Amino acid sequence: MRHRLAASGLAALLALTVVPVSPGAQPTLQGWGPALQGTMPDPFQQPAPQRTMPDPFAPAVSRPAARTEPPRRTEAPRRTVRRARPAHRKHHVVRPTQNQRKIAEGEGYRRISDLVNFPKFFPSLGILFVKPETLPLGPFLCFDRKDRLMATVYMVSIKDIDDHKAFEVPAFAGATDHVNIYFNPGHPGVDVPHYHFVIWHVTKKEEERVAN
């Protein structure tokens, strides 16, 4: 009996909930929200992205401040200071002078004191060298005690001058500073009266090196 009452009650309840639907109307499902209009959604269509509202109670996230580079310093161009180089000094090279006496000996000159009875050092002229084949005219080369050429001497006899004799003799060596001409009565090597023609290659002051 109880089962019949329950079944009849359920049938009545279903009858009350069923609503007649017109042919052009779309069905609505009670309890599913508003009516579904149009066609059913495509199950393969991706759902539209949902916009989430920001939470007003969420703590604010501080963004890092944009990094700003410090202004670059413009440095003035460096001036390179170059030290002035010392001026190139020319070193005076002192070249040893050739021994003039040895040069004369190489050319055939001999010490007159080795040829005749003549002093090795003759005051006012020095040490005399001559080629034997040029006696008595010369030239005679006069050196000081350090083998420096002082003068060149020609000895011309008075007789040759009186006879107006012409001479052609070898030239002298070196520059000329001054010339002395004086008479000599004669000496070993030129024992007749004659004149000395002395061509000095040094100054008068430097003559003192052969004074005595």
Foldseek 3Di string as FASTA:
>chain_A
DVVVVVVVVVVVVVVVPDDDDDPPDDDADPPPPDRDDDDDDDPPDDDDDDDDDDDPPDDDDDDDDDDDDPDDDDDDDDDDDDDDDDDDDDDDDDDDDDQQVVVVVVVQWDFVVVVKVDDCADALFGTWIFHVVPPPFTFIWGAFPSRHTWKTKGKAAPVCVVVVHDDDDDDDDADFDDWDKDWDCADIRGRHTTIIIIGTRDDPVVSVSRND
